[in-house]
Amino acid sequence: MRASQRDADTLMAFEPLRYGARHLLATAETQLVHLPENTVQSRWVYQLGVLRDSLGRLDELHGQWLETRDALPATAKPGTADFDDALAEHHAESWSYLDDWATHGKALREINSAALIARSPLAPISVPARVGRIAARQ
C-alpha cells in the first residue's frame, strides 16, 4: 500500500515538469556543447541520456494508460477496483523512470549553473578602463 502511494505521489510531483522536460533537456544539451571542456563533468552526458530515455518511456506509459483507461468498462470510475487497480499498475510501471528523474535531474541544474559561470565564446573581452582611456587619447 505504501509503495502504491509513493508511486502515485511521485507521478503527481513530476506531472508539472513533464510538459517542459524536453525543453529542459534540449537546453542542457546545447549548454553542454558550449561549455569549456575543463568545466564539464563526464557523468553529465550519461545523465542526460538516462533522463531522455526515461522521459520517452514515461510518454509511452502515459499513452498506454490513456488506452487502458479508455478501454475500462463505463462503470470503472476513480474509487472503483477496476479503475484504481489499473491506475496503480500504471503508477508502478512509471516509478522507476520517475526515480531516474529524481536521481539524475540535478544534472540539468548543474549544467545550467556551469553555463552561467562559464565565459561565453561570444562575449567581448573586457578591456580595463585605464587601457581604454589610454587608447582613446591616442
C-alpha atoms as a PDB file:
ATOM      1  CA  MET A   1       0.000   0.000   0.000  1.00  0.00           C
ATOM      2  CA  ARG A   2       2.846   2.399   0.841  1.00  0.00           C
ATOM      3  CA  ALA A   3       4.619   1.671  -2.432  1.00  0.00           C
ATOM      4  CA  SER A   4       1.408   2.347  -4.333  1.00  0.00           C
ATOM      5  CA  GLN A   5       1.002   5.695  -2.574  1.00  0.00           C
ATOM      6  CA  ARG A   6       4.677   6.547  -3.179  1.00  0.00           C
ATOM      7  CA  ASP A   7       4.252   5.744  -6.883  1.00  0.00           C
ATOM      8  CA  ALA A   8       1.155   7.940  -7.157  1.00  0.00           C
ATOM      9  CA  ASP A   9       2.765  10.818  -5.236  1.00  0.00           C
ATOM     10  CA  THR A  10       5.920  10.643  -7.347  1.00  0.00           C
ATOM     11  CA  LEU A  11       3.953  10.773 -10.580  1.00  0.00           C
ATOM     12  CA  MET A  12       1.879  13.705  -9.340  1.00  0.00           C
ATOM     13  CA  ALA A  13       5.042  15.589  -8.348  1.00  0.00           C
ATOM     14  CA  PHE A  14       6.587  15.033 -11.794  1.00  0.00           C
ATOM     15  CA  GLU A  15       3.477  15.935 -13.792  1.00  0.00           C
ATOM     16  CA  PRO A  16       4.057  19.746 -13.886  1.00  0.00           C
ATOM     17  CA  LEU A  17       7.623  19.132 -15.108  1.00  0.00           C
ATOM     18  CA  ARG A  18       6.754  16.524 -17.740  1.00  0.00           C
ATOM     19  CA  TYR A  19       5.487  19.009 -20.320  1.00  0.00           C
ATOM     20  CA  GLY A  20       8.635  21.151 -20.205  1.00  0.00           C
ATOM     21  CA  ALA A  21      11.100  18.311 -19.701  1.00  0.00           C
ATOM     22  CA  ARG A  22      12.063  18.012 -23.382  1.00  0.00           C
ATOM     23  CA  HIS A  23      12.841  21.728 -23.469  1.00  0.00           C
ATOM     24  CA  LEU A  24      14.961  21.411 -20.322  1.00  0.00           C
ATOM     25  CA  LEU A  25      16.884  18.517 -21.860  1.00  0.00           C
ATOM     26  CA  ALA A  26      17.436  20.344 -25.153  1.00  0.00           C
ATOM     27  CA  THR A  27      18.653  23.434 -23.298  1.00  0.00           C
ATOM     28  CA  ALA A  28      21.069  21.403 -21.171  1.00  0.00           C
ATOM     29  CA  GLU A  29      22.418  19.579 -24.233  1.00  0.00           C
ATOM     30  CA  THR A  30      23.012  22.897 -26.016  1.00  0.00           C
ATOM     31  CA  GLN A  31      24.687  24.384 -22.953  1.00  0.00           C
ATOM     32  CA  LEU A  32      26.868  21.298 -22.539  1.00  0.00           C
ATOM     33  CA  VAL A  33      28.222  21.587 -26.079  1.00  0.00           C
ATOM     34  CA  HIS A  34      29.311  25.180 -25.443  1.00  0.00           C
ATOM     35  CA  LEU A  35      30.944  24.658 -22.056  1.00  0.00           C
ATOM     36  CA  PRO A  36      34.735  24.677 -21.809  1.00  0.00           C
ATOM     37  CA  GLU A  37      35.962  21.074 -21.560  1.00  0.00           C
ATOM     38  CA  ASN A  38      37.578  21.642 -18.180  1.00  0.00           C
ATOM     39  CA  THR A  39      34.184  22.541 -16.658  1.00  0.00           C
ATOM     40  CA  VAL A  40      32.248  19.510 -17.952  1.00  0.00           C
ATOM     41  CA  GLN A  41      31.538  16.611 -15.625  1.00  0.00           C
ATOM     42  CA  SER A  42      31.884  13.320 -17.520  1.00  0.00           C
ATOM     43  CA  ARG A  43      28.691  11.966 -15.918  1.00  0.00           C
ATOM     44  CA  TRP A  44      26.509  14.713 -17.418  1.00  0.00           C
ATOM     45  CA  VAL A  45      26.287  13.131 -20.876  1.00  0.00           C
ATOM     46  CA  TYR A  46      25.269   9.820 -19.308  1.00  0.00           C
ATOM     47  CA  GLN A  47      22.736  11.508 -17.027  1.00  0.00           C
ATOM     48  CA  LEU A  48      21.127  13.425 -19.888  1.00  0.00           C
ATOM     49  CA  GLY A  49      20.826  10.139 -21.794  1.00  0.00           C
ATOM     50  CA  VAL A  50      19.125   8.476 -18.825  1.00  0.00           C
ATOM     51  CA  LEU A  51      16.739  11.419 -18.484  1.00  0.00           C
ATOM     52  CA  ARG A  52      15.897  11.401 -22.200  1.00  0.00           C
ATOM     53  CA  ASP A  53      15.294   7.623 -22.226  1.00  0.00           C
ATOM     54  CA  SER A  54      13.195   7.807 -19.072  1.00  0.00           C
ATOM     55  CA  LEU A  55      11.107  10.629 -20.457  1.00  0.00           C
ATOM     56  CA  GLY A  56      10.471   8.664 -23.637  1.00  0.00           C
ATOM     57  CA  ARG A  57       9.390   5.658 -21.628  1.00  0.00           C
ATOM     58  CA  LEU A  58       7.138   7.812 -19.413  1.00  0.00           C
ATOM     59  CA  ASP A  59       5.483   9.210 -22.531  1.00  0.00           C
ATOM     60  CA  GLU A  60       4.882   5.671 -23.810  1.00  0.00           C
ATOM     61  CA  LEU A  61       3.441   4.579 -20.471  1.00  0.00           C
ATOM     62  CA  HIS A  62       1.190   7.637 -20.373  1.00  0.00           C
ATOM     63  CA  GLY A  63      -0.157   6.725 -23.803  1.00  0.00           C
ATOM     64  CA  GLN A  64      -0.725   3.148 -22.642  1.00  0.00           C
ATOM     65  CA  TRP A  65      -2.550   4.416 -19.565  1.00  0.00           C
ATOM     66  CA  LEU A  66      -4.872   6.528 -21.696  1.00  0.00           C
ATOM     67  CA  GLU A  67      -5.653   3.489 -23.862  1.00  0.00           C
ATOM     68  CA  THR A  68      -6.203   1.314 -20.792  1.00  0.00           C
ATOM     69  CA  ARG A  69      -8.408   3.914 -19.150  1.00  0.00           C
ATOM     70  CA  ASP A  70     -10.496   4.306 -22.302  1.00  0.00           C
ATOM     71  CA  ALA A  71     -10.896   0.518 -22.564  1.00  0.00           C
ATOM     72  CA  LEU A  72     -12.224   0.163 -18.997  1.00  0.00           C
ATOM     73  CA  PRO A  73     -15.921  -0.529 -18.585  1.00  0.00           C
ATOM     74  CA  ALA A  74     -18.149   2.530 -18.262  1.00  0.00           C
ATOM     75  CA  THR A  75     -18.676   1.636 -14.602  1.00  0.00           C
ATOM     76  CA  ALA A  76     -14.937   1.923 -13.872  1.00  0.00           C
ATOM     77  CA  LYS A  77     -14.537   5.328 -12.273  1.00  0.00           C
ATOM     78  CA  PRO A  78     -11.998   6.612  -9.748  1.00  0.00           C
ATOM     79  CA  GLY A  79     -12.709   4.797  -6.498  1.00  0.00           C
ATOM     80  CA  THR A  80     -13.742   1.527  -8.155  1.00  0.00           C
ATOM     81  CA  ALA A  81     -11.459  -1.511  -8.072  1.00  0.00           C
ATOM     82  CA  ASP A  82     -11.170  -1.743 -11.873  1.00  0.00           C
ATOM     83  CA  PHE A  83     -10.061   1.864 -12.244  1.00  0.00           C
ATOM     84  CA  ASP A  84      -7.883   2.045  -9.129  1.00  0.00           C
ATOM     85  CA  ASP A  85      -6.097  -1.239  -9.881  1.00  0.00           C
ATOM     86  CA  ALA A  86      -5.316  -0.161 -13.455  1.00  0.00           C
ATOM     87  CA  LEU A  87      -4.092   3.221 -12.248  1.00  0.00           C
ATOM     88  CA  ALA A  88      -1.939   1.638  -9.520  1.00  0.00           C
ATOM     89  CA  GLU A  89      -0.357  -0.607 -12.151  1.00  0.00           C
ATOM     90  CA  HIS A  90       0.403   2.438 -14.312  1.00  0.00           C
ATOM     91  CA  HIS A  91       1.970   4.206 -11.352  1.00  0.00           C
ATOM     92  CA  ALA A  92       4.085   1.145 -10.512  1.00  0.00           C
ATOM     93  CA  GLU A  93       5.322   0.847 -14.111  1.00  0.00           C
ATOM     94  CA  SER A  94       6.217   4.555 -14.162  1.00  0.00           C
ATOM     95  CA  TRP A  95       8.001   4.708 -10.832  1.00  0.00           C
ATOM     96  CA  SER A  96      11.486   3.567 -11.867  1.00  0.00           C
ATOM     97  CA  TYR A  97      11.577   6.148 -14.678  1.00  0.00           C
ATOM     98  CA  LEU A  98      10.422   8.841 -12.277  1.00  0.00           C
ATOM     99  CA  ASP A  99      13.154   7.705  -9.894  1.00  0.00           C
ATOM    100  CA  ASP A 100      15.652   8.242 -12.726  1.00  0.00           C
ATOM    101  CA  TRP A 101      14.475  11.852 -12.907  1.00  0.00           C
ATOM    102  CA  ALA A 102      14.750  12.233  -9.140  1.00  0.00           C
ATOM    103  CA  THR A 103      18.258  10.768  -9.220  1.00  0.00           C
ATOM    104  CA  HIS A 104      19.708  12.378 -12.351  1.00  0.00           C
ATOM    105  CA  GLY A 105      17.581  15.504 -12.748  1.00  0.00           C
ATOM    106  CA  LYS A 106      20.071  17.531 -10.748  1.00  0.00           C
ATOM    107  CA  ALA A 107      22.386  17.349 -13.763  1.00  0.00           C
ATOM    108  CA  LEU A 108      20.118  19.861 -15.521  1.00  0.00           C
ATOM    109  CA  ARG A 109      20.680  22.364 -12.732  1.00  0.00           C
ATOM    110  CA  GLU A 110      24.414  21.630 -12.573  1.00  0.00           C
ATOM    111  CA  ILE A 111      24.853  22.151 -16.320  1.00  0.00           C
ATOM    112  CA  ASN A 112      22.859  25.385 -16.192  1.00  0.00           C
ATOM    113  CA  SER A 113      24.960  26.651 -13.269  1.00  0.00           C
ATOM    114  CA  ALA A 114      28.173  25.814 -15.134  1.00  0.00           C
ATOM    115  CA  ALA A 115      26.857  27.615 -18.230  1.00  0.00           C
ATOM    116  CA  LEU A 116      26.030  30.722 -16.206  1.00  0.00           C
ATOM    117  CA  ILE A 117      29.521  30.806 -14.743  1.00  0.00           C
ATOM    118  CA  ALA A 118      31.408  29.932 -17.941  1.00  0.00           C
ATOM    119  CA  ARG A 119      32.598  32.725 -20.137  1.00  0.00           C
ATOM    120  CA  SER A 120      30.610  32.864 -23.345  1.00  0.00           C
ATOM    121  CA  PRO A 121      32.686  32.472 -26.515  1.00  0.00           C
ATOM    122  CA  LEU A 122      30.633  35.347 -27.930  1.00  0.00           C
ATOM    123  CA  ALA A 123      31.179  37.702 -25.001  1.00  0.00           C
ATOM    124  CA  PRO A 124      33.517  40.605 -25.691  1.00  0.00           C
ATOM    125  CA  ILE A 125      36.788  40.602 -23.839  1.00  0.00           C
ATOM    126  CA  SER A 126      36.631  43.294 -21.220  1.00  0.00           C
ATOM    127  CA  VAL A 127      39.299  45.923 -21.545  1.00  0.00           C
ATOM    128  CA  PRO A 128      40.318  47.553 -18.290  1.00  0.00           C
ATOM    129  CA  ALA A 129      39.075  51.154 -18.071  1.00  0.00           C
ATOM    130  CA  ARG A 130      42.601  52.596 -17.900  1.00  0.00           C
ATOM    131  CA  VAL A 131      43.658  50.861 -21.128  1.00  0.00           C
ATOM    132  CA  GLY A 132      40.501  52.107 -22.810  1.00  0.00           C
ATOM    133  CA  ARG A 133      41.233  55.715 -21.759  1.00  0.00           C
ATOM    134  CA  ILE A 134      44.837  55.498 -22.987  1.00  0.00           C
ATOM    135  CA  ALA A 135      43.697  54.177 -26.364  1.00  0.00           C
ATOM    136  CA  ALA A 136      41.109  56.962 -26.608  1.00  0.00           C
ATOM    137  CA  ARG A 137      43.752  59.667 -26.013  1.00  0.00           C
ATOM    138  CA  GLN A 138      45.980  58.451 -28.812  1.00  0.00           C
END
